[in-house]
Amino acid sequence: MQRRIFLNGSMNINGNTARLTNQVFRDLEYTPIHLTEFHINQIRPDSDQQDDFQKVMNQLILADHIVIGTPVYWSSMSGYLKTFIDRFADALEAPLAGKRVYLLIQGTAPEDAIPFITNVISHLCRRFHMKYKGLATNSNEASKLHDLMVNEK
């Protein structure tokens, strides 16, 4: 059985980003991880961080499919998601190779935010040998990601 995770970077757990995610998963089982429900510190030089980063990372390690969702905030991804991504520096040996990653960006203004966010996620996937599968910013694209996910083995 495939394990699917939704990593929600929105401060509104039932907002537009979650609605777009529901279109990706439709009838598929998945586990939502709302970053707003976890305490994740900013990156810092000491490695003895007391927060929930590893708890969230452990969920990603168990996943086959990871859908990362973020609204556009001030021409970028949400701070919740950016902080979590920055902390990947604390997990350089995490066994993430082969995970399939799908990106949802809710809100398209300004348009220059989309390539920036996509570039960061693509780079993260390359660094950790995950498979970046695509982007959805609307319902039609979300349906295509659903079909892609269903057909992935």
N, C-alpha and C. Protein backbone atom coordinates (compact mmCIF):
# COMPACT_ATOMS: atom_id res chain seq x y z
N MET A 1 0.84 -1.19 0.00
CA MET A 1 0.00 0.00 0.00
C MET A 1 0.88 1.25 0.00
N GLN A 2 0.55 2.18 -0.83
CA GLN A 2 1.29 3.44 -0.93
C GLN A 2 0.91 4.36 0.23
N ARG A 3 1.90 4.99 0.82
CA ARG A 3 1.66 5.94 1.91
C ARG A 3 1.83 7.35 1.36
N ARG A 4 0.80 8.15 1.54
CA ARG A 4 0.77 9.51 1.01
C ARG A 4 0.71 10.52 2.14
N ILE A 5 1.50 11.57 2.00
CA ILE A 5 1.56 12.64 3.00
C ILE A 5 1.26 13.97 2.31
N PHE A 6 0.49 14.80 3.00
CA PHE A 6 0.30 16.18 2.57
C PHE A 6 1.01 17.08 3.57
N LEU A 7 2.07 17.71 3.15
CA LEU A 7 2.82 18.65 3.97
C LEU A 7 2.26 20.05 3.70
N ASN A 8 1.43 20.52 4.61
CA ASN A 8 0.70 21.77 4.42
C ASN A 8 1.45 22.94 5.03
N GLY A 9 1.90 23.85 4.18
CA GLY A 9 2.60 25.04 4.63
C GLY A 9 1.71 26.23 4.89
N SER A 10 0.41 26.06 4.78
CA SER A 10 -0.52 27.17 4.98
C SER A 10 -0.84 27.35 6.45
N MET A 11 -1.07 28.60 6.86
CA MET A 11 -1.50 28.85 8.24
C MET A 11 -2.96 28.47 8.42
N ASN A 12 -3.71 28.35 7.33
CA ASN A 12 -5.12 27.98 7.39
C ASN A 12 -5.24 26.51 6.96
N ILE A 13 -5.41 25.60 7.91
CA ILE A 13 -5.37 24.17 7.59
C ILE A 13 -6.53 23.71 6.72
N ASN A 14 -7.61 24.49 6.66
CA ASN A 14 -8.76 24.13 5.82
C ASN A 14 -8.98 25.15 4.72
N GLY A 15 -7.93 25.84 4.32
CA GLY A 15 -8.05 26.90 3.34
C GLY A 15 -7.93 26.42 1.90
N ASN A 16 -7.59 27.33 1.03
CA ASN A 16 -7.52 27.04 -0.41
C ASN A 16 -6.43 26.02 -0.75
N THR A 17 -5.33 26.03 -0.02
CA THR A 17 -4.27 25.05 -0.27
C THR A 17 -4.78 23.64 0.03
N ALA A 18 -5.50 23.49 1.13
CA ALA A 18 -6.08 22.18 1.49
C ALA A 18 -7.14 21.76 0.48
N ARG A 19 -7.93 22.69 0.00
CA ARG A 19 -8.96 22.36 -1.01
C ARG A 19 -8.30 21.86 -2.30
N LEU A 20 -7.23 22.49 -2.70
CA LEU A 20 -6.51 22.05 -3.89
C LEU A 20 -5.93 20.65 -3.65
N THR A 21 -5.45 20.41 -2.45
CA THR A 21 -4.92 19.10 -2.10
C THR A 21 -6.00 18.03 -2.18
N ASN A 22 -7.19 18.34 -1.72
CA ASN A 22 -8.29 17.37 -1.80
C ASN A 22 -8.56 16.96 -3.24
N GLN A 23 -8.33 17.84 -4.18
CA GLN A 23 -8.51 17.50 -5.59
C GLN A 23 -7.40 16.59 -6.09
N VAL A 24 -6.21 16.74 -5.52
CA VAL A 24 -5.11 15.85 -5.91
C VAL A 24 -5.37 14.45 -5.38
N PHE A 25 -5.76 14.34 -4.11
CA PHE A 25 -5.92 13.03 -3.51
C PHE A 25 -7.28 12.40 -3.82
N ARG A 26 -8.30 13.22 -4.03
CA ARG A 26 -9.66 12.75 -4.26
C ARG A 26 -10.03 11.56 -3.40
N ASP A 27 -10.04 10.37 -3.95
CA ASP A 27 -10.48 9.17 -3.25
C ASP A 27 -9.32 8.40 -2.62
N LEU A 28 -8.14 8.95 -2.62
CA LEU A 28 -6.96 8.26 -2.09
C LEU A 28 -6.78 8.59 -0.61
N GLU A 29 -6.29 7.62 0.15
CA GLU A 29 -5.97 7.85 1.55
C GLU A 29 -4.68 8.65 1.67
N TYR A 30 -4.65 9.57 2.63
CA TYR A 30 -3.43 10.34 2.88
C TYR A 30 -3.43 10.86 4.31
N THR A 31 -2.26 11.23 4.76
CA THR A 31 -2.09 11.80 6.09
C THR A 31 -1.69 13.26 5.95
N PRO A 32 -2.49 14.17 6.50
CA PRO A 32 -2.09 15.58 6.46
C PRO A 32 -1.12 15.91 7.59
N ILE A 33 -0.12 16.69 7.26
CA ILE A 33 0.80 17.24 8.26
C ILE A 33 0.72 18.75 8.10
N HIS A 34 0.09 19.40 9.05
CA HIS A 34 -0.06 20.86 9.01
C HIS A 34 1.08 21.46 9.82
N LEU A 35 1.99 22.13 9.14
CA LEU A 35 3.17 22.67 9.80
C LEU A 35 2.82 23.66 10.92
N THR A 36 1.65 24.28 10.84
CA THR A 36 1.23 25.20 11.91
C THR A 36 1.00 24.48 13.23
N GLU A 37 0.81 23.17 13.19
CA GLU A 37 0.54 22.40 14.41
C GLU A 37 1.82 21.88 15.07
N PHE A 38 2.97 22.23 14.51
CA PHE A 38 4.25 21.76 15.03
C PHE A 38 5.13 22.97 15.37
N HIS A 39 5.96 22.79 16.37
CA HIS A 39 6.92 23.83 16.71
C HIS A 39 8.25 23.46 16.05
N ILE A 40 8.63 24.22 15.04
CA ILE A 40 9.89 23.97 14.33
C ILE A 40 10.72 25.25 14.38
N ASN A 41 11.87 25.13 15.02
CA ASN A 41 12.75 26.29 15.17
C ASN A 41 13.41 26.68 13.85
N GLN A 42 13.81 27.93 13.79
CA GLN A 42 14.65 28.40 12.70
C GLN A 42 15.97 27.64 12.74
N ILE A 43 16.64 27.55 11.61
CA ILE A 43 17.95 26.90 11.57
C ILE A 43 18.93 27.70 12.42
N ARG A 44 19.78 26.98 13.13
CA ARG A 44 20.80 27.65 13.94
C ARG A 44 22.00 26.71 14.07
N PRO A 45 23.13 27.23 14.50
CA PRO A 45 24.36 26.43 14.47
C PRO A 45 24.40 25.25 15.42
N ASP A 46 23.72 25.33 16.57
CA ASP A 46 23.80 24.18 17.48
C ASP A 46 22.88 23.06 17.00
N SER A 47 23.33 21.85 17.14
CA SER A 47 22.58 20.72 16.60
C SER A 47 21.63 20.11 17.62
N ASP A 48 21.53 20.69 18.80
CA ASP A 48 20.67 20.15 19.84
C ASP A 48 19.36 20.92 19.90
N GLN A 49 18.63 20.91 18.80
CA GLN A 49 17.37 21.65 18.72
C GLN A 49 16.27 20.86 19.43
N GLN A 50 15.49 21.53 20.24
CA GLN A 50 14.37 20.92 20.94
C GLN A 50 13.08 21.38 20.27
N ASP A 51 12.68 20.65 19.23
CA ASP A 51 11.45 21.01 18.53
C ASP A 51 10.88 19.78 17.84
N ASP A 52 9.94 20.00 16.93
CA ASP A 52 9.22 18.90 16.28
C ASP A 52 9.74 18.56 14.89
N PHE A 53 10.88 19.11 14.51
CA PHE A 53 11.38 18.86 13.15
C PHE A 53 11.52 17.37 12.86
N GLN A 54 12.17 16.64 13.74
CA GLN A 54 12.40 15.21 13.47
C GLN A 54 11.10 14.42 13.44
N LYS A 55 10.13 14.83 14.23
CA LYS A 55 8.83 14.16 14.23
C LYS A 55 8.18 14.26 12.84
N VAL A 56 8.24 15.44 12.24
CA VAL A 56 7.70 15.63 10.89
C VAL A 56 8.57 14.88 9.87
N MET A 57 9.87 14.99 10.00
CA MET A 57 10.78 14.30 9.07
C MET A 57 10.54 12.79 9.09
N ASN A 58 10.30 12.22 10.27
CA ASN A 58 10.03 10.78 10.36
C ASN A 58 8.81 10.38 9.54
N GLN A 59 7.81 11.23 9.49
CA GLN A 59 6.63 10.96 8.67
C GLN A 59 6.98 10.97 7.18
N LEU A 60 7.82 11.92 6.77
CA LEU A 60 8.22 11.99 5.36
C LEU A 60 9.05 10.76 4.97
N ILE A 61 9.88 10.29 5.88
CA ILE A 61 10.72 9.12 5.61
C ILE A 61 9.85 7.89 5.33
N LEU A 62 8.70 7.80 5.98
CA LEU A 62 7.81 6.65 5.79
C LEU A 62 6.92 6.75 4.55
N ALA A 63 6.88 7.92 3.94
CA ALA A 63 5.97 8.17 2.82
C ALA A 63 6.53 7.66 1.50
N ASP A 64 5.62 7.34 0.59
CA ASP A 64 5.97 7.05 -0.80
C ASP A 64 5.74 8.30 -1.66
N HIS A 65 4.65 9.01 -1.38
CA HIS A 65 4.27 10.23 -2.10
C HIS A 65 4.17 11.37 -1.10
N ILE A 66 4.79 12.51 -1.43
CA ILE A 66 4.74 13.69 -0.59
C ILE A 66 4.19 14.84 -1.42
N VAL A 67 3.05 15.35 -1.01
CA VAL A 67 2.47 16.53 -1.65
C VAL A 67 2.79 17.71 -0.75
N ILE A 68 3.54 18.66 -1.29
CA ILE A 68 3.91 19.86 -0.54
C ILE A 68 3.02 20.99 -1.03
N GLY A 69 2.32 21.61 -0.10
CA GLY A 69 1.42 22.70 -0.47
C GLY A 69 1.76 23.98 0.26
N THR A 70 1.70 25.08 -0.47
CA THR A 70 1.93 26.39 0.13
C THR A 70 1.12 27.45 -0.60
N PRO A 71 0.61 28.42 0.14
CA PRO A 71 0.09 29.61 -0.52
C PRO A 71 1.25 30.52 -0.87
N VAL A 72 0.99 31.47 -1.74
CA VAL A 72 1.99 32.50 -2.04
C VAL A 72 1.83 33.60 -1.01
N TYR A 73 2.88 33.83 -0.23
CA TYR A 73 2.90 34.90 0.76
C TYR A 73 4.04 35.84 0.40
N TRP A 74 3.75 37.07 0.13
CA TRP A 74 4.76 38.07 -0.16
C TRP A 74 5.78 37.58 -1.19
N SER A 75 5.28 37.07 -2.28
CA SER A 75 6.09 36.64 -3.43
C SER A 75 6.94 35.41 -3.16
N SER A 76 6.54 34.58 -2.20
CA SER A 76 7.30 33.38 -1.91
C SER A 76 6.40 32.35 -1.24
N MET A 77 7.02 31.24 -0.80
CA MET A 77 6.32 30.23 -0.03
C MET A 77 6.07 30.77 1.37
N SER A 78 5.22 30.06 2.11
CA SER A 78 4.95 30.48 3.48
C SER A 78 6.19 30.35 4.34
N GLY A 79 6.25 31.10 5.41
CA GLY A 79 7.35 31.01 6.36
C GLY A 79 7.42 29.65 7.02
N TYR A 80 6.25 29.03 7.27
CA TYR A 80 6.23 27.69 7.86
C TYR A 80 7.00 26.70 6.99
N LEU A 81 6.72 26.74 5.69
CA LEU A 81 7.39 25.81 4.78
C LEU A 81 8.86 26.16 4.62
N LYS A 82 9.18 27.44 4.51
CA LYS A 82 10.58 27.85 4.34
C LYS A 82 11.41 27.43 5.55
N THR A 83 10.89 27.62 6.75
CA THR A 83 11.61 27.20 7.96
C THR A 83 11.84 25.70 7.95
N PHE A 84 10.82 24.94 7.58
CA PHE A 84 10.98 23.48 7.54
C PHE A 84 12.04 23.08 6.51
N ILE A 85 12.00 23.67 5.33
CA ILE A 85 12.99 23.35 4.30
C ILE A 85 14.40 23.74 4.75
N ASP A 86 14.54 24.89 5.39
CA ASP A 86 15.86 25.29 5.90
C ASP A 86 16.42 24.24 6.85
N ARG A 87 15.57 23.61 7.62
CA ARG A 87 16.01 22.63 8.60
C ARG A 87 16.46 21.31 7.98
N PHE A 88 16.23 21.11 6.68
CA PHE A 88 16.76 19.91 6.03
C PHE A 88 18.27 19.83 6.19
N ALA A 89 18.91 20.95 6.49
CA ALA A 89 20.35 20.94 6.76
C ALA A 89 20.67 20.07 7.98
N ASP A 90 19.68 19.85 8.84
CA ASP A 90 19.86 18.98 10.00
C ASP A 90 19.57 17.51 9.69
N ALA A 91 19.22 17.22 8.45
CA ALA A 91 18.82 15.86 8.09
C ALA A 91 19.47 15.41 6.78
N LEU A 92 20.72 15.77 6.61
CA LEU A 92 21.39 15.50 5.34
C LEU A 92 21.50 14.01 5.01
N GLU A 93 21.39 13.16 6.00
CA GLU A 93 21.46 11.71 5.77
C GLU A 93 20.09 11.05 5.78
N ALA A 94 19.03 11.82 5.79
CA ALA A 94 17.69 11.24 5.84
C ALA A 94 17.44 10.37 4.61
N PRO A 95 16.88 9.19 4.80
CA PRO A 95 16.62 8.27 3.68
C PRO A 95 15.36 8.67 2.90
N LEU A 96 15.51 9.64 2.04
CA LEU A 96 14.39 10.16 1.26
C LEU A 96 14.46 9.79 -0.22
N ALA A 97 15.52 9.12 -0.63
CA ALA A 97 15.71 8.78 -2.05
C ALA A 97 14.51 8.00 -2.57
N GLY A 98 14.06 8.39 -3.74
CA GLY A 98 12.95 7.70 -4.40
C GLY A 98 11.57 8.20 -4.05
N LYS A 99 11.44 9.03 -3.02
CA LYS A 99 10.13 9.59 -2.67
C LYS A 99 9.64 10.42 -3.85
N ARG A 100 8.35 10.33 -4.14
CA ARG A 100 7.76 11.12 -5.21
C ARG A 100 7.17 12.38 -4.61
N VAL A 101 7.56 13.53 -5.16
CA VAL A 101 7.17 14.82 -4.59
C VAL A 101 6.34 15.59 -5.61
N TYR A 102 5.23 16.10 -5.14
CA TYR A 102 4.30 16.90 -5.95
C TYR A 102 4.16 18.25 -5.24
N LEU A 103 4.07 19.30 -6.00
CA LEU A 103 4.02 20.65 -5.43
C LEU A 103 2.69 21.32 -5.77
N LEU A 104 2.08 21.92 -4.76
CA LEU A 104 0.87 22.71 -4.94
C LEU A 104 1.17 24.13 -4.49
N ILE A 105 0.91 25.07 -5.37
CA ILE A 105 1.07 26.48 -5.03
C ILE A 105 -0.28 27.14 -5.22
N GLN A 106 -0.84 27.63 -4.13
CA GLN A 106 -2.15 28.25 -4.17
C GLN A 106 -1.98 29.75 -4.21
N GLY A 107 -2.60 30.36 -5.20
CA GLY A 107 -2.46 31.79 -5.40
C GLY A 107 -1.38 32.01 -6.44
N THR A 108 -1.69 32.78 -7.44
CA THR A 108 -0.75 32.91 -8.56
C THR A 108 -0.21 34.32 -8.73
N ALA A 109 -0.49 35.19 -7.78
CA ALA A 109 -0.01 36.55 -7.93
C ALA A 109 0.99 36.85 -6.82
N PRO A 110 2.12 37.37 -7.11
CA PRO A 110 2.64 37.59 -8.46
C PRO A 110 3.16 36.29 -9.06
N GLU A 111 3.09 36.23 -10.40
CA GLU A 111 3.50 35.02 -11.11
C GLU A 111 4.96 34.65 -10.90
N ASP A 112 5.81 35.63 -10.61
CA ASP A 112 7.23 35.31 -10.44
C ASP A 112 7.51 34.48 -9.19
N ALA A 113 6.55 34.36 -8.29
CA ALA A 113 6.72 33.53 -7.10
C ALA A 113 6.74 32.04 -7.46
N ILE A 114 5.98 31.65 -8.47
CA ILE A 114 5.86 30.23 -8.81
C ILE A 114 7.19 29.63 -9.25
N PRO A 115 7.93 30.24 -10.18
CA PRO A 115 9.22 29.64 -10.54
C PRO A 115 10.20 29.60 -9.36
N PHE A 116 10.18 30.59 -8.50
CA PHE A 116 11.07 30.60 -7.35
C PHE A 116 10.77 29.42 -6.42
N ILE A 117 9.50 29.25 -6.07
CA ILE A 117 9.11 28.16 -5.17
C ILE A 117 9.41 26.81 -5.82
N THR A 118 9.08 26.69 -7.09
CA THR A 118 9.34 25.44 -7.82
C THR A 118 10.83 25.13 -7.84
N ASN A 119 11.66 26.13 -8.04
CA ASN A 119 13.11 25.94 -8.05
C ASN A 119 13.62 25.41 -6.71
N VAL A 120 13.12 25.96 -5.61
CA VAL A 120 13.55 25.52 -4.29
C VAL A 120 13.16 24.05 -4.08
N ILE A 121 11.95 23.68 -4.42
CA ILE A 121 11.50 22.29 -4.22
C ILE A 121 12.24 21.35 -5.17
N SER A 122 12.47 21.76 -6.39
CA SER A 122 13.24 20.94 -7.33
C SER A 122 14.65 20.70 -6.83
N HIS A 123 15.27 21.75 -6.31
CA HIS A 123 16.62 21.63 -5.76
C HIS A 123 16.64 20.67 -4.56
N LEU A 124 15.67 20.81 -3.68
CA LEU A 124 15.56 19.92 -2.53
C LEU A 124 15.44 18.46 -2.99
N CYS A 125 14.62 18.23 -4.00
CA CYS A 125 14.44 16.88 -4.53
C CYS A 125 15.75 16.33 -5.11
N ARG A 126 16.46 17.15 -5.86
CA ARG A 126 17.74 16.69 -6.42
C ARG A 126 18.72 16.36 -5.30
N ARG A 127 18.82 17.20 -4.30
CA ARG A 127 19.78 17.00 -3.21
C ARG A 127 19.52 15.71 -2.44
N PHE A 128 18.24 15.38 -2.26
CA PHE A 128 17.87 14.20 -1.48
C PHE A 128 17.44 13.03 -2.37
N HIS A 129 17.67 13.13 -3.66
CA HIS A 129 17.39 12.06 -4.62
C HIS A 129 15.93 11.64 -4.63
N MET A 130 15.06 12.64 -4.42
CA MET A 130 13.62 12.41 -4.53
C MET A 130 13.21 12.71 -5.97
N LYS A 131 12.05 12.24 -6.36
CA LYS A 131 11.56 12.41 -7.72
C LYS A 131 10.51 13.51 -7.76
N TYR A 132 10.89 14.66 -8.30
CA TYR A 132 9.93 15.76 -8.45
C TYR A 132 9.00 15.43 -9.61
N LYS A 133 7.69 15.36 -9.32
CA LYS A 133 6.73 14.88 -10.32
C LYS A 133 5.91 15.98 -10.96
N GLY A 134 5.82 17.15 -10.35
CA GLY A 134 5.06 18.21 -11.01
C GLY A 134 4.40 19.18 -10.06
N LEU A 135 3.81 20.19 -10.68
CA LEU A 135 3.22 21.34 -10.00
C LEU A 135 1.76 21.49 -10.39
N ALA A 136 0.95 21.89 -9.41
CA ALA A 136 -0.43 22.27 -9.68
C ALA A 136 -0.71 23.61 -9.01
N THR A 137 -1.36 24.50 -9.77
CA THR A 137 -1.78 25.78 -9.22
C THR A 137 -3.28 25.98 -9.35
N ASN A 138 -3.96 25.00 -9.97
CA ASN A 138 -5.41 25.11 -10.16
C ASN A 138 -6.03 23.71 -10.20
N SER A 139 -7.34 23.65 -10.27
CA SER A 139 -8.06 22.37 -10.23
C SER A 139 -7.69 21.44 -11.37
N ASN A 140 -7.56 21.97 -12.56
CA ASN A 140 -7.23 21.15 -13.72
C ASN A 140 -5.86 20.49 -13.55
N GLU A 141 -4.89 21.27 -13.11
CA GLU A 141 -3.55 20.72 -12.88
C GLU A 141 -3.55 19.74 -11.71
N ALA A 142 -4.37 20.01 -10.69
CA ALA A 142 -4.48 19.09 -9.55
C ALA A 142 -5.01 17.74 -9.99
N SER A 143 -5.96 17.74 -10.91
CA SER A 143 -6.50 16.47 -11.44
C SER A 143 -5.42 15.70 -12.19
N LYS A 144 -4.57 16.40 -12.90
CA LYS A 144 -3.47 15.73 -13.61
C LYS A 144 -2.48 15.11 -12.63
N LEU A 145 -2.20 15.81 -11.53
CA LEU A 145 -1.31 15.24 -10.52
C LEU A 145 -1.95 14.00 -9.88
N HIS A 146 -3.28 14.04 -9.68
CA HIS A 146 -3.98 12.87 -9.15
C HIS A 146 -3.75 11.67 -10.07
N ASP A 147 -3.97 11.87 -11.35
CA ASP A 147 -3.80 10.77 -12.32
C ASP A 147 -2.36 10.27 -12.33
N LEU A 148 -1.42 11.19 -12.25
CA LEU A 148 -0.01 10.81 -12.21
C LEU A 148 0.31 9.98 -10.97
N MET A 149 -0.25 10.40 -9.82
CA MET A 149 -0.01 9.69 -8.58
C MET A 149 -0.61 8.27 -8.62
N VAL A 150 -1.81 8.16 -9.15
CA VAL A 150 -2.49 6.87 -9.23
C VAL A 150 -1.70 5.90 -10.12
N ASN A 151 -1.11 6.43 -11.17
CA ASN A 151 -0.40 5.57 -12.14
C ASN A 151 1.05 5.29 -11.75
N GLU A 152 1.55 5.94 -10.68
CA GLU A 152 2.92 5.69 -10.20
C GLU A 152 2.93 4.41 -9.39
N LYS A 153 3.90 3.60 -9.62
CA LYS A 153 4.04 2.35 -8.84
C LYS A 153 5.21 2.46 -7.91
